[in-house]
């Protein structure tokens, strides 16, 4: 998982940016599921909490998935992914879709700035560009994953990428100093997963059961997806 604020000098710059954004009234805190007002060509930083990105199609016609043509019309918004604490995002305008940001949990704080204002903090500016290079690599992996023909491969690859990027280690009582696996710290519905991988909620529910039987995916505390430890 990539974190912007890893180095001491970057942490210092980040605190300066937080103070600056509050003084400029560019710092806001949102409750869970509240939409975050955004504009294109502006850089957003998640200071605490998490943001969920959703894509809304501007295509007005009805459509159905090829694998299940008799299902009802698909949701208006498709799940794209999460932006965690210390991570950044930029939303761009599209003719065929628009991307919206929502607070995933309560007390999610986001600040924003124009790109040219990064010149005020050279250390942080380097970290920002390093982060977006990292994100570009993740996008290439996501494209490869979502191009898989079999839905179960897309499902497993999608959850694996999500947990690898945002996952938190968990342990058990017998081995408190050793990671027993990694879990996604935010809830995601079967319908949201289906919209992300181009499937249906029913299919995702069924395939999740198969992945659990194979020991590839599990749940942590009953509602967080996790990757069990790999056998040596």
Protein backbone atom coordinates (compact mmCIF):
# COMPACT_ATOMS: atom_id res chain seq x y z
CA UNK A 1 0.00 0.00 0.00
CA UNK A 2 1.34 3.41 -0.99
CA UNK A 3 1.32 6.22 1.55
CA UNK A 4 2.16 9.80 0.71
CA UNK A 5 3.29 10.70 4.23
CA UNK A 6 6.08 8.13 4.75
CA UNK A 7 9.12 10.35 5.30
CA UNK A 8 9.64 12.80 8.13
CA UNK A 9 10.19 15.73 5.77
CA UNK A 10 7.01 14.85 3.87
CA UNK A 11 5.06 14.60 7.11
CA UNK A 12 6.21 18.08 7.99
CA UNK A 13 5.12 19.35 4.58
CA UNK A 14 1.80 17.58 4.95
CA UNK A 15 1.09 19.28 8.26
CA UNK A 16 1.90 22.62 6.68
CA UNK A 17 -0.53 21.82 3.86
CA UNK A 18 -3.26 20.84 6.31
CA UNK A 19 -2.80 24.10 8.22
CA UNK A 20 -2.74 26.06 4.96
CA UNK A 21 -5.88 24.35 3.63
CA UNK A 22 -7.80 25.05 6.82
CA UNK A 23 -6.77 28.70 6.71
CA UNK A 24 -7.91 28.85 3.06
CA UNK A 25 -11.22 27.06 3.85
CA UNK A 26 -10.19 24.18 1.61
CA UNK A 27 -10.55 21.50 4.25
CA UNK A 28 -13.86 19.73 4.84
CA UNK A 29 -15.05 16.77 6.87
CA UNK A 30 -17.88 14.51 5.69
CA UNK A 31 -20.09 11.87 7.23
CA UNK A 32 -20.47 8.41 5.68
CA UNK A 33 -22.10 8.26 2.21
CA UNK A 34 -22.05 12.04 1.75
CA UNK A 35 -21.03 13.13 -1.73
CA UNK A 36 -17.85 15.21 -1.82
CA UNK A 37 -18.09 18.27 -4.10
CA UNK A 38 -15.37 17.97 -6.74
CA UNK A 39 -14.17 19.73 -9.88
CA UNK A 40 -11.83 18.66 -12.64
CA UNK A 41 -8.15 19.68 -12.74
CA UNK A 42 -7.97 19.95 -8.95
CA UNK A 43 -5.88 17.75 -6.66
CA UNK A 44 -7.63 16.20 -3.65
CA UNK A 45 -5.91 14.65 -0.64
CA UNK A 46 -7.64 12.36 1.85
CA UNK A 47 -6.29 13.49 5.20
CA UNK A 48 -8.27 10.99 7.25
CA UNK A 49 -10.93 8.38 6.57
CA UNK A 50 -11.58 7.00 3.10
CA UNK A 51 -13.26 8.03 -0.14
CA UNK A 52 -15.24 5.81 -2.51
CA UNK A 53 -15.15 6.61 -6.22
CA UNK A 54 -18.17 5.83 -8.40
CA UNK A 55 -18.66 6.29 -12.17
CA UNK A 56 -22.03 7.38 -13.49
CA UNK A 57 -22.82 6.75 -17.15
CA UNK A 58 -24.20 9.63 -19.19
CA UNK A 59 -25.69 7.13 -21.65
CA UNK A 60 -29.48 7.40 -21.35
CA UNK A 61 -30.42 4.04 -22.89
CA UNK A 62 -31.11 0.81 -21.04
CA UNK A 63 -28.52 -1.94 -21.21
CA UNK A 64 -28.04 -5.45 -19.87
CA UNK A 65 -25.03 -7.61 -19.23
CA UNK A 66 -24.25 -10.19 -21.88
CA UNK A 67 -24.09 -13.02 -19.38
CA UNK A 68 -27.56 -12.34 -17.98
CA UNK A 69 -29.79 -10.50 -20.45
CA UNK A 70 -32.95 -11.04 -18.41
CA UNK A 71 -31.74 -9.13 -15.37
CA UNK A 72 -33.14 -5.68 -14.52
CA UNK A 73 -31.40 -2.53 -15.67
CA UNK A 74 -27.97 -2.13 -14.09
CA UNK A 75 -27.24 0.44 -11.35
CA UNK A 76 -26.65 4.01 -12.49
CA UNK A 77 -23.24 4.14 -10.78
CA UNK A 78 -20.38 1.68 -11.01
CA UNK A 79 -17.85 1.17 -8.25
CA UNK A 80 -14.27 2.18 -9.18
CA UNK A 81 -12.32 1.85 -5.97
CA UNK A 82 -11.23 3.47 -2.73
CA UNK A 83 -8.85 6.29 -1.90
CA UNK A 84 -7.39 5.77 1.55
CA UNK A 85 -5.89 8.04 4.16
CA UNK A 86 -2.83 9.89 2.87
CA UNK A 87 -3.72 9.16 -0.75
CA UNK A 88 -4.69 11.52 -3.56
CA UNK A 89 -7.14 11.62 -6.42
CA UNK A 90 -8.07 13.81 -9.35
CA UNK A 91 -11.37 13.60 -11.22
CA UNK A 92 -11.64 14.38 -14.92
CA UNK A 93 -14.66 15.24 -17.02
CA UNK A 94 -15.81 12.66 -19.55
CA UNK A 95 -18.36 12.85 -22.35
CA UNK A 96 -19.72 9.38 -21.62
CA UNK A 97 -19.44 9.31 -17.83
CA UNK A 98 -18.84 11.34 -14.71
CA UNK A 99 -16.95 10.26 -11.63
CA UNK A 100 -18.26 11.10 -8.17
CA UNK A 101 -16.58 10.86 -4.78
CA UNK A 102 -18.32 9.81 -1.55
CA UNK A 103 -17.14 9.59 2.05
CA UNK A 104 -16.82 5.89 2.86
CA UNK A 105 -16.81 6.32 6.64
CA UNK A 106 -17.73 9.00 9.16
CA UNK A 107 -15.25 11.80 9.82
CA UNK A 108 -13.64 11.56 6.39
CA UNK A 109 -11.58 14.73 5.85
CA UNK A 110 -10.50 15.94 2.41
CA UNK A 111 -8.47 18.97 1.36
CA UNK A 112 -7.89 20.34 -2.12
CA UNK A 113 -5.50 22.54 -4.08
CA UNK A 114 -4.60 23.58 -7.60
CA UNK A 115 -1.73 21.73 -9.21
CA UNK A 116 0.50 24.80 -9.50
CA UNK A 117 0.25 25.30 -5.72
CA UNK A 118 2.35 22.16 -5.22
CA UNK A 119 5.37 24.31 -6.02
CA UNK A 120 5.04 25.72 -2.50
CA UNK A 121 6.06 22.34 -1.04
CA UNK A 122 8.81 20.72 -3.19
CA UNK A 123 9.16 17.62 -0.99
CA UNK A 124 5.47 16.95 -1.07
CA UNK A 125 5.36 17.66 -4.81
CA UNK A 126 7.87 14.83 -5.42
CA UNK A 127 5.76 12.45 -3.35
CA UNK A 128 2.63 13.40 -5.30
CA UNK A 129 4.19 12.54 -8.65
CA UNK A 130 5.64 9.33 -7.23
CA UNK A 131 2.16 8.39 -5.99
CA UNK A 132 0.55 8.94 -9.38
CA UNK A 133 3.27 6.86 -11.07
CA UNK A 134 2.39 4.10 -8.63
CA UNK A 135 -1.30 4.54 -9.41
CA UNK A 136 -0.60 4.24 -13.13
CA UNK A 137 1.02 0.86 -12.53
CA UNK A 138 -2.00 -0.23 -10.47
CA UNK A 139 -4.32 0.80 -13.30
CA UNK A 140 -2.42 -1.38 -15.74
CA UNK A 141 -2.79 -4.32 -13.36
CA UNK A 142 -6.50 -3.57 -12.98
CA UNK A 143 -6.99 -3.46 -16.75
CA UNK A 144 -5.26 -6.83 -17.11
CA UNK A 145 -7.39 -8.25 -14.31
CA UNK A 146 -10.71 -6.99 -15.70
CA UNK A 147 -9.85 -8.30 -19.17
CA UNK A 148 -9.95 -11.89 -17.91
CA UNK A 149 -12.60 -13.91 -19.70
CA UNK A 150 -13.84 -15.90 -16.70
CA UNK A 151 -15.87 -13.91 -14.19
CA UNK A 152 -14.39 -15.77 -11.23
CA UNK A 153 -10.89 -14.73 -12.33
CA UNK A 154 -11.99 -11.10 -12.61
CA UNK A 155 -13.60 -11.30 -9.18
CA UNK A 156 -10.58 -12.83 -7.46
CA UNK A 157 -8.16 -10.48 -9.20
CA UNK A 158 -10.23 -7.41 -8.35
CA UNK A 159 -10.51 -8.28 -4.63
CA UNK A 160 -6.82 -9.22 -4.49
CA UNK A 161 -5.76 -5.86 -5.92
CA UNK A 162 -8.05 -3.99 -3.53
CA UNK A 163 -6.78 -5.82 -0.47
CA UNK A 164 -3.14 -5.64 -1.54
CA UNK A 165 -3.39 -1.85 -1.95
CA UNK A 166 -5.49 -0.98 1.11
CA UNK A 167 -5.24 -4.10 3.27
CA UNK A 168 -4.53 -4.12 6.99
CA UNK A 169 -2.77 -7.07 8.61
CA UNK A 170 -4.60 -9.10 11.22
CA UNK A 171 -3.26 -11.63 13.71
CA UNK A 172 -4.55 -14.38 15.94
CA UNK A 173 -4.05 -14.92 19.65
CA UNK A 174 -1.53 -17.75 19.23
CA UNK A 175 0.76 -15.72 16.93
CA UNK A 176 0.26 -12.03 17.85
CA UNK A 177 3.49 -10.91 16.15
CA UNK A 178 2.83 -12.61 12.81
CA UNK A 179 0.34 -11.45 10.17
CA UNK A 180 -2.40 -14.01 9.72
CA UNK A 181 -3.68 -12.35 6.55
CA UNK A 182 -4.83 -8.98 5.25
CA UNK A 183 -8.33 -7.53 5.21
CA UNK A 184 -10.01 -4.63 3.40
CA UNK A 185 -10.90 -2.18 6.20
CA UNK A 186 -14.09 -0.94 4.52
CA UNK A 187 -17.31 -2.70 3.58
CA UNK A 188 -18.13 -3.24 -0.08
CA UNK A 189 -21.42 -4.72 -1.30
CA UNK A 190 -21.85 -7.55 -3.77
CA UNK A 191 -23.68 -5.14 -6.07
CA UNK A 192 -20.72 -2.73 -6.03
CA UNK A 193 -18.31 -5.55 -6.85
CA UNK A 194 -20.57 -6.68 -9.67
CA UNK A 195 -20.64 -3.19 -11.16
CA UNK A 196 -16.83 -3.04 -11.01
CA UNK A 197 -16.16 -6.35 -12.78
CA UNK A 198 -19.07 -6.32 -15.25
CA UNK A 199 -21.22 -9.02 -13.67
CA UNK A 200 -24.42 -9.36 -11.62
CA UNK A 201 -24.95 -9.38 -7.88
CA UNK A 202 -26.30 -12.94 -7.98
CA UNK A 203 -23.27 -14.17 -9.90
CA UNK A 204 -20.84 -12.43 -7.55
CA UNK A 205 -22.55 -13.96 -4.50
CA UNK A 206 -22.30 -17.43 -6.02
CA UNK A 207 -18.68 -17.06 -7.06
CA UNK A 208 -17.66 -15.65 -3.70
CA UNK A 209 -18.93 -18.87 -2.20
CA UNK A 210 -16.73 -20.84 -4.58
CA UNK A 211 -13.68 -18.73 -3.72
CA UNK A 212 -14.32 -19.28 -0.02
CA UNK A 213 -14.57 -23.05 -0.57
CA UNK A 214 -11.21 -22.93 -2.36
CA UNK A 215 -9.68 -20.96 0.52
CA UNK A 216 -8.78 -18.01 -1.71
CA UNK A 217 -11.07 -15.42 -0.11
CA UNK A 218 -12.44 -15.20 3.41
CA UNK A 219 -14.18 -12.67 5.65
CA UNK A 220 -12.77 -10.93 8.69
CA UNK A 221 -15.12 -9.97 11.53
CA UNK A 222 -18.01 -11.27 9.41
CA UNK A 223 -18.18 -8.43 6.86
CA UNK A 224 -14.65 -7.43 5.72
CA UNK A 225 -13.13 -9.29 2.79
CA UNK A 226 -9.69 -10.69 3.47
CA UNK A 227 -6.89 -12.68 1.85
CA UNK A 228 -5.94 -15.68 3.99
CA UNK A 229 -2.22 -16.34 4.47
CA UNK A 230 -0.63 -18.28 1.65
CA UNK A 231 0.69 -21.73 2.42
CA UNK A 232 4.50 -21.89 2.37
